[in-house]
Amino acid sequence: MVDEAIEAKNKRISDARAEAREILKQAEIDAHKAAQDSFKVGEEKILEERDKIVNDGEKNAIAMSQKAQANIDKSVNYLVQEFERAVLNE
């Protein structure tokens, strides 16, 4: 009877250790998955921010190009007027 009790105790200890190993293994798996999910969310946010910066940059470049084109037109008109004035004043 004592031997059976010792054997039962040892079995419970062995079972508890096995269960603890499984719990630790599952915790590692869960932690790894949580880290990957967190990394993925961070990466997505970075990509969204990058896209926003690129789009804003493109819009600014277009606006500057249009402004430069308008300035070129004004400059050409000014030069033509000055040329005509110089020719007419001669």
PDB file of N, CA and C in Angstrom:
ATOM      1  N   MET A   1       0.823  -1.188   0.000  1.00  0.00           N
ATOM      2  CA  MET A   1       0.000   0.000   0.000  1.00  0.00           C
ATOM      3  C   MET A   1       0.875   1.264   0.000  1.00  0.00           C
ATOM      4  N   VAL A   2       1.950   1.245   0.775  1.00  0.00           N
ATOM      5  CA  VAL A   2       2.871   2.375   0.814  1.00  0.00           C
ATOM      6  C   VAL A   2       3.543   2.523  -0.549  1.00  0.00           C
ATOM      7  N   ASP A   3       3.915   1.400  -1.129  1.00  0.00           N
ATOM      8  CA  ASP A   3       4.542   1.441  -2.451  1.00  0.00           C
ATOM      9  C   ASP A   3       3.588   2.019  -3.495  1.00  0.00           C
ATOM     10  N   GLU A   4       2.317   1.640  -3.403  1.00  0.00           N
ATOM     11  CA  GLU A   4       1.326   2.179  -4.330  1.00  0.00           C
ATOM     12  C   GLU A   4       1.168   3.684  -4.149  1.00  0.00           C
ATOM     13  N   ALA A   5       1.178   4.144  -2.906  1.00  0.00           N
ATOM     14  CA  ALA A   5       1.051   5.574  -2.626  1.00  0.00           C
ATOM     15  C   ALA A   5       2.263   6.328  -3.175  1.00  0.00           C
ATOM     16  N   ILE A   6       3.458   5.769  -2.987  1.00  0.00           N
ATOM     17  CA  ILE A   6       4.674   6.393  -3.500  1.00  0.00           C
ATOM     18  C   ILE A   6       4.634   6.421  -5.022  1.00  0.00           C
ATOM     19  N   GLU A   7       4.206   5.313  -5.600  1.00  0.00           N
ATOM     20  CA  GLU A   7       4.110   5.242  -7.055  1.00  0.00           C
ATOM     21  C   GLU A   7       3.083   6.252  -7.579  1.00  0.00           C
ATOM     22  N   ALA A   8       1.943   6.395  -6.914  1.00  0.00           N
ATOM     23  CA  ALA A   8       0.916   7.356  -7.315  1.00  0.00           C
ATOM     24  C   ALA A   8       1.446   8.782  -7.184  1.00  0.00           C
ATOM     25  N   LYS A   9       2.180   9.032  -6.091  1.00  0.00           N
ATOM     26  CA  LYS A   9       2.767  10.364  -5.881  1.00  0.00           C
ATOM     27  C   LYS A   9       3.759  10.681  -6.996  1.00  0.00           C
ATOM     28  N   ASN A  10       4.632   9.728  -7.301  1.00  0.00           N
ATOM     29  CA  ASN A  10       5.616   9.927  -8.358  1.00  0.00           C
ATOM     30  C   ASN A  10       4.948  10.144  -9.713  1.00  0.00           C
ATOM     31  N   LYS A  11       3.850   9.425  -9.960  1.00  0.00           N
ATOM     32  CA  LYS A  11       3.106   9.596 -11.215  1.00  0.00           C
ATOM     33  C   LYS A  11       2.498  10.982 -11.295  1.00  0.00           C
ATOM     34  N   ARG A  12       1.930  11.458 -10.172  1.00  0.00           N
ATOM     35  CA  ARG A  12       1.338  12.803 -10.158  1.00  0.00           C
ATOM     36  C   ARG A  12       2.423  13.868 -10.387  1.00  0.00           C
ATOM     37  N   ILE A  13       3.579  13.653  -9.765  1.00  0.00           N
ATOM     38  CA  ILE A  13       4.687  14.596  -9.964  1.00  0.00           C
ATOM     39  C   ILE A  13       5.131  14.578 -11.422  1.00  0.00           C
ATOM     40  N   SER A  14       5.265  13.397 -11.983  1.00  0.00           N
ATOM     41  CA  SER A  14       5.669  13.261 -13.382  1.00  0.00           C
ATOM     42  C   SER A  14       4.643  13.909 -14.311  1.00  0.00           C
ATOM     43  N   ASP A  15       3.372  13.645 -14.042  1.00  0.00           N
ATOM     44  CA  ASP A  15       2.303  14.246 -14.848  1.00  0.00           C
ATOM     45  C   ASP A  15       2.315  15.775 -14.729  1.00  0.00           C
ATOM     46  N   ALA A  16       2.537  16.269 -13.514  1.00  0.00           N
ATOM     47  CA  ALA A  16       2.565  17.717 -13.291  1.00  0.00           C
ATOM     48  C   ALA A  16       3.747  18.339 -14.045  1.00  0.00           C
ATOM     49  N   ARG A  17       4.890  17.690 -14.046  1.00  0.00           N
ATOM     50  CA  ARG A  17       6.050  18.198 -14.770  1.00  0.00           C
ATOM     51  C   ARG A  17       5.785  18.201 -16.283  1.00  0.00           C
ATOM     52  N   ALA A  18       5.174  17.134 -16.767  1.00  0.00           N
ATOM     53  CA  ALA A  18       4.850  17.065 -18.193  1.00  0.00           C
ATOM     54  C   ALA A  18       3.869  18.174 -18.567  1.00  0.00           C
ATOM     55  N   GLU A  19       2.878  18.390 -17.707  1.00  0.00           N
ATOM     56  CA  GLU A  19       1.905  19.451 -17.965  1.00  0.00           C
ATOM     57  C   GLU A  19       2.586  20.819 -17.927  1.00  0.00           C
ATOM     58  N   ALA A  20       3.514  20.996 -16.996  1.00  0.00           N
ATOM     59  CA  ALA A  20       4.244  22.262 -16.904  1.00  0.00           C
ATOM     60  C   ALA A  20       5.073  22.494 -18.170  1.00  0.00           C
ATOM     61  N   ARG A  21       5.708  21.438 -18.673  1.00  0.00           N
ATOM     62  CA  ARG A  21       6.477  21.571 -19.913  1.00  0.00           C
ATOM     63  C   ARG A  21       5.565  21.971 -21.076  1.00  0.00           C
ATOM     64  N   GLU A  22       4.406  21.366 -21.146  1.00  0.00           N
ATOM     65  CA  GLU A  22       3.450  21.705 -22.213  1.00  0.00           C
ATOM     66  C   GLU A  22       2.972  23.151 -22.083  1.00  0.00           C
ATOM     67  N   ILE A  23       2.716  23.576 -20.842  1.00  0.00           N
ATOM     68  CA  ILE A  23       2.276  24.956 -20.623  1.00  0.00           C
ATOM     69  C   ILE A  23       3.372  25.926 -21.061  1.00  0.00           C
ATOM     70  N   LEU A  24       4.618  25.632 -20.695  1.00  0.00           N
ATOM     71  CA  LEU A  24       5.738  26.486 -21.093  1.00  0.00           C
ATOM     72  C   LEU A  24       5.909  26.505 -22.614  1.00  0.00           C
ATOM     73  N   LYS A  25       5.779  25.327 -23.221  1.00  0.00           N
ATOM     74  CA  LYS A  25       5.905  25.242 -24.664  1.00  0.00           C
ATOM     75  C   LYS A  25       4.820  26.085 -25.342  1.00  0.00           C
ATOM     76  N   GLN A  26       3.594  25.975 -24.871  1.00  0.00           N
ATOM     77  CA  GLN A  26       2.486  26.741 -25.446  1.00  0.00           C
ATOM     78  C   GLN A  26       2.686  28.237 -25.196  1.00  0.00           C
ATOM     79  N   ALA A  27       3.207  28.590 -24.016  1.00  0.00           N
ATOM     80  CA  ALA A  27       3.463  30.006 -23.713  1.00  0.00           C
ATOM     81  C   ALA A  27       4.513  30.568 -24.661  1.00  0.00           C
ATOM     82  N   GLU A  28       5.548  29.802 -24.968  1.00  0.00           N
ATOM     83  CA  GLU A  28       6.562  30.246 -25.918  1.00  0.00           C
ATOM     84  C   GLU A  28       5.967  30.447 -27.309  1.00  0.00           C
ATOM     85  N   ILE A  29       5.123  29.510 -27.718  1.00  0.00           N
ATOM     86  CA  ILE A  29       4.462  29.616 -29.025  1.00  0.00           C
ATOM     87  C   ILE A  29       3.582  30.866 -29.063  1.00  0.00           C
ATOM     88  N   ASP A  30       2.805  31.070 -27.993  1.00  0.00           N
ATOM     89  CA  ASP A  30       1.916  32.239 -27.935  1.00  0.00           C
ATOM     90  C   ASP A  30       2.713  33.544 -27.927  1.00  0.00           C
ATOM     91  N   ALA A  31       3.827  33.566 -27.179  1.00  0.00           N
ATOM     92  CA  ALA A  31       4.652  34.769 -27.115  1.00  0.00           C
ATOM     93  C   ALA A  31       5.266  35.065 -28.483  1.00  0.00           C
ATOM     94  N   HIS A  32       5.717  34.029 -29.161  1.00  0.00           N
ATOM     95  CA  HIS A  32       6.301  34.201 -30.492  1.00  0.00           C
ATOM     96  C   HIS A  32       5.256  34.744 -31.468  1.00  0.00           C
ATOM     97  N   LYS A  33       4.060  34.187 -31.408  1.00  0.00           N
ATOM     98  CA  LYS A  33       2.982  34.646 -32.287  1.00  0.00           C
ATOM     99  C   LYS A  33       2.609  36.091 -31.979  1.00  0.00           C
ATOM    100  N   ALA A  34       2.542  36.427 -30.702  1.00  0.00           N
ATOM    101  CA  ALA A  34       2.209  37.799 -30.312  1.00  0.00           C
ATOM    102  C   ALA A  34       3.288  38.766 -30.816  1.00  0.00           C
ATOM    103  N   ALA A  35       4.547  38.365 -30.721  1.00  0.00           N
ATOM    104  CA  ALA A  35       5.638  39.214 -31.199  1.00  0.00           C
ATOM    105  C   ALA A  35       5.544  39.402 -32.712  1.00  0.00           C
ATOM    106  N   GLN A  36       5.250  38.330 -33.434  1.00  0.00           N
ATOM    107  CA  GLN A  36       5.107  38.432 -34.890  1.00  0.00           C
ATOM    108  C   GLN A  36       3.937  39.333 -35.263  1.00  0.00           C
ATOM    109  N   ASP A  37       2.820  39.184 -34.553  1.00  0.00           N
ATOM    110  CA  ASP A  37       1.650  40.018 -34.832  1.00  0.00           C
ATOM    111  C   ASP A  37       1.965  41.492 -34.573  1.00  0.00           C
ATOM    112  N   SER A  38       2.643  41.746 -33.472  1.00  0.00           N
ATOM    113  CA  SER A  38       3.012  43.117 -33.127  1.00  0.00           C
ATOM    114  C   SER A  38       3.954  43.691 -34.183  1.00  0.00           C
ATOM    115  N   PHE A  39       4.913  42.906 -34.617  1.00  0.00           N
ATOM    116  CA  PHE A  39       5.848  43.342 -35.659  1.00  0.00           C
ATOM    117  C   PHE A  39       5.099  43.650 -36.950  1.00  0.00           C
ATOM    118  N   LYS A  40       4.154  42.784 -37.296  1.00  0.00           N
ATOM    119  CA  LYS A  40       3.391  42.975 -38.529  1.00  0.00           C
ATOM    120  C   LYS A  40       2.579  44.268 -38.473  1.00  0.00           C
ATOM    121  N   VAL A  41       1.953  44.530 -37.330  1.00  0.00           N
ATOM    122  CA  VAL A  41       1.167  45.759 -37.176  1.00  0.00           C
ATOM    123  C   VAL A  41       2.082  46.975 -37.301  1.00  0.00           C
ATOM    124  N   GLY A  42       3.244  46.916 -36.667  1.00  0.00           N
ATOM    125  CA  GLY A  42       4.197  48.026 -36.762  1.00  0.00           C
ATOM    126  C   GLY A  42       4.669  48.235 -38.180  1.00  0.00           C
ATOM    127  N   GLU A  43       4.936  47.148 -38.871  1.00  0.00           N
ATOM    128  CA  GLU A  43       5.390  47.235 -40.258  1.00  0.00           C
ATOM    129  C   GLU A  43       4.307  47.858 -41.144  1.00  0.00           C
ATOM    130  N   GLU A  44       3.054  47.463 -40.918  1.00  0.00           N
ATOM    131  CA  GLU A  44       1.949  48.025 -41.691  1.00  0.00           C
ATOM    132  C   GLU A  44       1.816  49.527 -41.453  1.00  0.00           C
ATOM    133  N   LYS A  45       1.975  49.945 -40.200  1.00  0.00           N
ATOM    134  CA  LYS A  45       1.893  51.376 -39.890  1.00  0.00           C
ATOM    135  C   LYS A  45       3.020  52.139 -40.578  1.00  0.00           C
ATOM    136  N   ILE A  46       4.212  51.564 -40.575  1.00  0.00           N
ATOM    137  CA  ILE A  46       5.350  52.210 -41.229  1.00  0.00           C
ATOM    138  C   ILE A  46       5.092  52.339 -42.728  1.00  0.00           C
ATOM    139  N   LEU A  47       4.572  51.278 -43.341  1.00  0.00           N
ATOM    140  CA  LEU A  47       4.290  51.327 -44.781  1.00  0.00           C
ATOM    141  C   LEU A  47       3.214  52.361 -45.101  1.00  0.00           C
ATOM    142  N   GLU A  48       2.192  52.453 -44.239  1.00  0.00           N
ATOM    143  CA  GLU A  48       1.144  53.452 -44.455  1.00  0.00           C
ATOM    144  C   GLU A  48       1.724  54.861 -44.356  1.00  0.00           C
ATOM    145  N   GLU A  49       2.579  55.084 -43.360  1.00  0.00           N
ATOM    146  CA  GLU A  49       3.190  56.402 -43.182  1.00  0.00           C
ATOM    147  C   GLU A  49       4.101  56.734 -44.364  1.00  0.00           C
ATOM    148  N   ARG A  50       4.847  55.723 -44.830  1.00  0.00           N
ATOM    149  CA  ARG A  50       5.720  55.931 -45.987  1.00  0.00           C
ATOM    150  C   ARG A  50       4.897  56.324 -47.209  1.00  0.00           C
ATOM    151  N   ASP A  51       3.790  55.616 -47.446  1.00  0.00           N
ATOM    152  CA  ASP A  51       2.929  55.928 -48.588  1.00  0.00           C
ATOM    153  C   ASP A  51       2.381  57.349 -48.486  1.00  0.00           C
ATOM    154  N   LYS A  52       2.002  57.747 -47.272  1.00  0.00           N
ATOM    155  CA  LYS A  52       1.480  59.093 -47.060  1.00  0.00           C
ATOM    156  C   LYS A  52       2.557  60.128 -47.374  1.00  0.00           C
ATOM    157  N   ILE A  53       3.775  59.892 -46.908  1.00  0.00           N
ATOM    158  CA  ILE A  53       4.877  60.823 -47.157  1.00  0.00           C
ATOM    159  C   ILE A  53       5.160  60.916 -48.654  1.00  0.00           C
ATOM    160  N   VAL A  54       5.182  59.761 -49.325  1.00  0.00           N
ATOM    161  CA  VAL A  54       5.439  59.751 -50.773  1.00  0.00           C
ATOM    162  C   VAL A  54       4.338  60.496 -51.519  1.00  0.00           C
ATOM    163  N   ASN A  55       3.092  60.247 -51.161  1.00  0.00           N
ATOM    164  CA  ASN A  55       1.974  60.932 -51.827  1.00  0.00           C
ATOM    165  C   ASN A  55       2.031  62.439 -51.600  1.00  0.00           C
ATOM    166  N   ASP A  56       2.326  62.840 -50.353  1.00  0.00           N
ATOM    167  CA  ASP A  56       2.439  64.269 -50.067  1.00  0.00           C
ATOM    168  C   ASP A  56       3.584  64.883 -50.875  1.00  0.00           C
ATOM    169  N   GLY A  57       4.686  64.160 -50.970  1.00  0.00           N
ATOM    170  CA  GLY A  57       5.823  64.648 -51.751  1.00  0.00           C
ATOM    171  C   GLY A  57       5.481  64.809 -53.214  1.00  0.00           C
ATOM    172  N   GLU A  58       4.750  63.851 -53.760  1.00  0.00           N
ATOM    173  CA  GLU A  58       4.336  63.936 -55.159  1.00  0.00           C
ATOM    174  C   GLU A  58       3.421  65.139 -55.384  1.00  0.00           C
ATOM    175  N   LYS A  59       2.491  65.353 -54.458  1.00  0.00           N
ATOM    176  CA  LYS A  59       1.587  66.502 -54.582  1.00  0.00           C
ATOM    177  C   LYS A  59       2.372  67.805 -54.532  1.00  0.00           C
ATOM    178  N   ASN A  60       3.339  67.874 -53.605  1.00  0.00           N
ATOM    179  CA  ASN A  60       4.155  69.092 -53.506  1.00  0.00           C
ATOM    180  C   ASN A  60       4.981  69.304 -54.773  1.00  0.00           C
ATOM    181  N   ALA A  61       5.517  68.233 -55.323  1.00  0.00           N
ATOM    182  CA  ALA A  61       6.313  68.338 -56.548  1.00  0.00           C
ATOM    183  C   ALA A  61       5.457  68.838 -57.703  1.00  0.00           C
ATOM    184  N   ILE A  62       4.254  68.337 -57.814  1.00  0.00           N
ATOM    185  CA  ILE A  62       3.340  68.785 -58.874  1.00  0.00           C
ATOM    186  C   ILE A  62       3.010  70.262 -58.689  1.00  0.00           C
ATOM    187  N   ALA A  63       2.739  70.661 -57.448  1.00  0.00           N
ATOM    188  CA  ALA A  63       2.404  72.065 -57.175  1.00  0.00           C
ATOM    189  C   ALA A  63       3.580  72.971 -57.516  1.00  0.00           C
ATOM    190  N   MET A  64       4.790  72.559 -57.143  1.00  0.00           N
ATOM    191  CA  MET A  64       5.973  73.365 -57.457  1.00  0.00           C
ATOM    192  C   MET A  64       6.205  73.438 -58.962  1.00  0.00           C
ATOM    193  N   SER A  65       5.963  72.337 -59.653  1.00  0.00           N
ATOM    194  CA  SER A  65       6.134  72.314 -61.100  1.00  0.00           C
ATOM    195  C   SER A  65       5.149  73.265 -61.771  1.00  0.00           C
ATOM    196  N   GLN A  66       3.924  73.251 -61.314  1.00  0.00           N
ATOM    197  CA  GLN A  66       2.915  74.147 -61.877  1.00  0.00           C
ATOM    198  C   GLN A  66       3.260  75.607 -61.603  1.00  0.00           C
ATOM    199  N   LYS A  67       3.741  75.868 -60.394  1.00  0.00           N
ATOM    200  CA  LYS A  67       4.133  77.239 -60.053  1.00  0.00           C
ATOM    201  C   LYS A  67       5.320  77.678 -60.906  1.00  0.00           C
ATOM    202  N   ALA A  68       6.276  76.774 -61.083  1.00  0.00           N
ATOM    203  CA  ALA A  68       7.443  77.095 -61.914  1.00  0.00           C
ATOM    204  C   ALA A  68       7.015  77.359 -63.348  1.00  0.00           C
ATOM    205  N   GLN A  69       6.092  76.560 -63.852  1.00  0.00           N
ATOM    206  CA  GLN A  69       5.609  76.758 -65.225  1.00  0.00           C
ATOM    207  C   GLN A  69       4.931  78.117 -65.356  1.00  0.00           C
ATOM    208  N   ALA A  70       4.152  78.483 -64.346  1.00  0.00           N
ATOM    209  CA  ALA A  70       3.490  79.788 -64.372  1.00  0.00           C
ATOM    210  C   ALA A  70       4.536  80.900 -64.356  1.00  0.00           C
ATOM    211  N   ASN A  71       5.601  80.723 -63.585  1.00  0.00           N
ATOM    212  CA  ASN A  71       6.660  81.730 -63.538  1.00  0.00           C
ATOM    213  C   ASN A  71       7.407  81.821 -64.870  1.00  0.00           C
ATOM    214  N   ILE A  72       7.574  80.706 -65.533  1.00  0.00           N
ATOM    215  CA  ILE A  72       8.228  80.713 -66.849  1.00  0.00           C
ATOM    216  C   ILE A  72       7.381  81.513 -67.832  1.00  0.00           C
ATOM    217  N   ASP A  73       6.085  81.258 -67.803  1.00  0.00           N
ATOM    218  CA  ASP A  73       5.194  82.000 -68.704  1.00  0.00           C
ATOM    219  C   ASP A  73       5.268  83.501 -68.423  1.00  0.00           C
ATOM    220  N   LYS A  74       5.266  83.879 -67.151  1.00  0.00           N
ATOM    221  CA  LYS A  74       5.367  85.297 -66.794  1.00  0.00           C
ATOM    222  C   LYS A  74       6.700  85.875 -67.257  1.00  0.00           C
ATOM    223  N   SER A  75       7.762  85.103 -67.072  1.00  0.00           N
ATOM    224  CA  SER A  75       9.097  85.574 -67.474  1.00  0.00           C
ATOM    225  C   SER A  75       9.177  85.768 -68.976  1.00  0.00           C
ATOM    226  N   VAL A  76       8.634  84.851 -69.725  1.00  0.00           N
ATOM    227  CA  VAL A  76       8.644  84.961 -71.190  1.00  0.00           C
ATOM    228  C   VAL A  76       7.863  86.198 -71.615  1.00  0.00           C
ATOM    229  N   ASN A  77       6.701  86.386 -71.028  1.00  0.00           N
ATOM    230  CA  ASN A  77       5.892  87.563 -71.367  1.00  0.00           C
ATOM    231  C   ASN A  77       6.640  88.844 -71.026  1.00  0.00           C
ATOM    232  N   TYR A  78       7.288  88.868 -69.884  1.00  0.00           N
ATOM    233  CA  TYR A  78       8.056  90.045 -69.473  1.00  0.00           C
ATOM    234  C   TYR A  78       9.191  90.325 -70.463  1.00  0.00           C
ATOM    235  N   LEU A  79       9.931  89.271 -70.835  1.00  0.00           N
ATOM    236  CA  LEU A  79      11.039  89.441 -71.771  1.00  0.00           C
ATOM    237  C   LEU A  79      10.554  89.921 -73.139  1.00  0.00           C
ATOM    238  N   VAL A  80       9.443  89.384 -73.588  1.00  0.00           N
ATOM    239  CA  VAL A  80       8.882  89.811 -74.875  1.00  0.00           C
ATOM    240  C   VAL A  80       8.489  91.284 -74.806  1.00  0.00           C
ATOM    241  N   GLN A  81       7.829  91.677 -73.722  1.00  0.00           N
ATOM    242  CA  GLN A  81       7.428  93.077 -73.564  1.00  0.00           C
ATOM    243  C   GLN A  81       8.651  93.998 -73.530  1.00  0.00           C
ATOM    244  N   GLU A  82       9.673  93.605 -72.790  1.00  0.00           N
ATOM    245  CA  GLU A  82      10.891  94.422 -72.711  1.00  0.00           C
ATOM    246  C   GLU A  82      11.591  94.499 -74.069  1.00  0.00           C
ATOM    247  N   PHE A  83      11.593  93.390 -74.788  1.00  0.00           N
ATOM    248  CA  PHE A  83      12.197  93.386 -76.120  1.00  0.00           C
ATOM    249  C   PHE A  83      11.444  94.311 -77.053  1.00  0.00           C
ATOM    250  N   GLU A  84      10.103  94.198 -77.013  1.00  0.00           N
ATOM    251  CA  GLU A  84       9.276  95.056 -77.869  1.00  0.00           C
ATOM    252  C   GLU A  84       9.474  96.520 -77.502  1.00  0.00           C
ATOM    253  N   ARG A  85       9.564  96.817 -76.222  1.00  0.00           N
ATOM    254  CA  ARG A  85       9.779  98.195 -75.781  1.00  0.00           C
ATOM    255  C   ARG A  85      11.143  98.699 -76.261  1.00  0.00           C
ATOM    256  N   ALA A  86      12.158  97.839 -76.172  1.00  0.00           N
ATOM    257  CA  ALA A  86      13.497  98.231 -76.596  1.00  0.00           C
ATOM    258  C   ALA A  86      13.532  98.456 -78.100  1.00  0.00           C
ATOM    259  N   VAL A  87      12.849  97.610 -78.848  1.00  0.00           N
ATOM    260  CA  VAL A  87      12.824  97.738 -80.314  1.00  0.00           C
ATOM    261  C   VAL A  87      12.041  98.984 -80.722  1.00  0.00           C
ATOM    262  N   LEU A  88      10.939  99.243 -80.064  1.00  0.00           N
ATOM    263  CA  LEU A  88      10.119 100.400 -80.411  1.00  0.00           C
ATOM    264  C   LEU A  88      10.770 101.699 -80.001  1.00  0.00           C
ATOM    265  N   ASN A  89      11.574 101.691 -78.979  1.00  0.00           N
ATOM    266  CA  ASN A  89      12.240 102.904 -78.514  1.00  0.00           C
ATOM    267  C   ASN A  89      13.480 103.227 -79.329  1.00  0.00           C
ATOM    268  N   GLU A  90      13.918 102.372 -80.182  1.00  0.00           N
ATOM    269  CA  GLU A  90      15.121 102.660 -80.973  1.00  0.00           C
ATOM    270  C   GLU A  90      14.841 103.549 -82.112  1.00  0.00           C
TER     271      GLU A  90
END
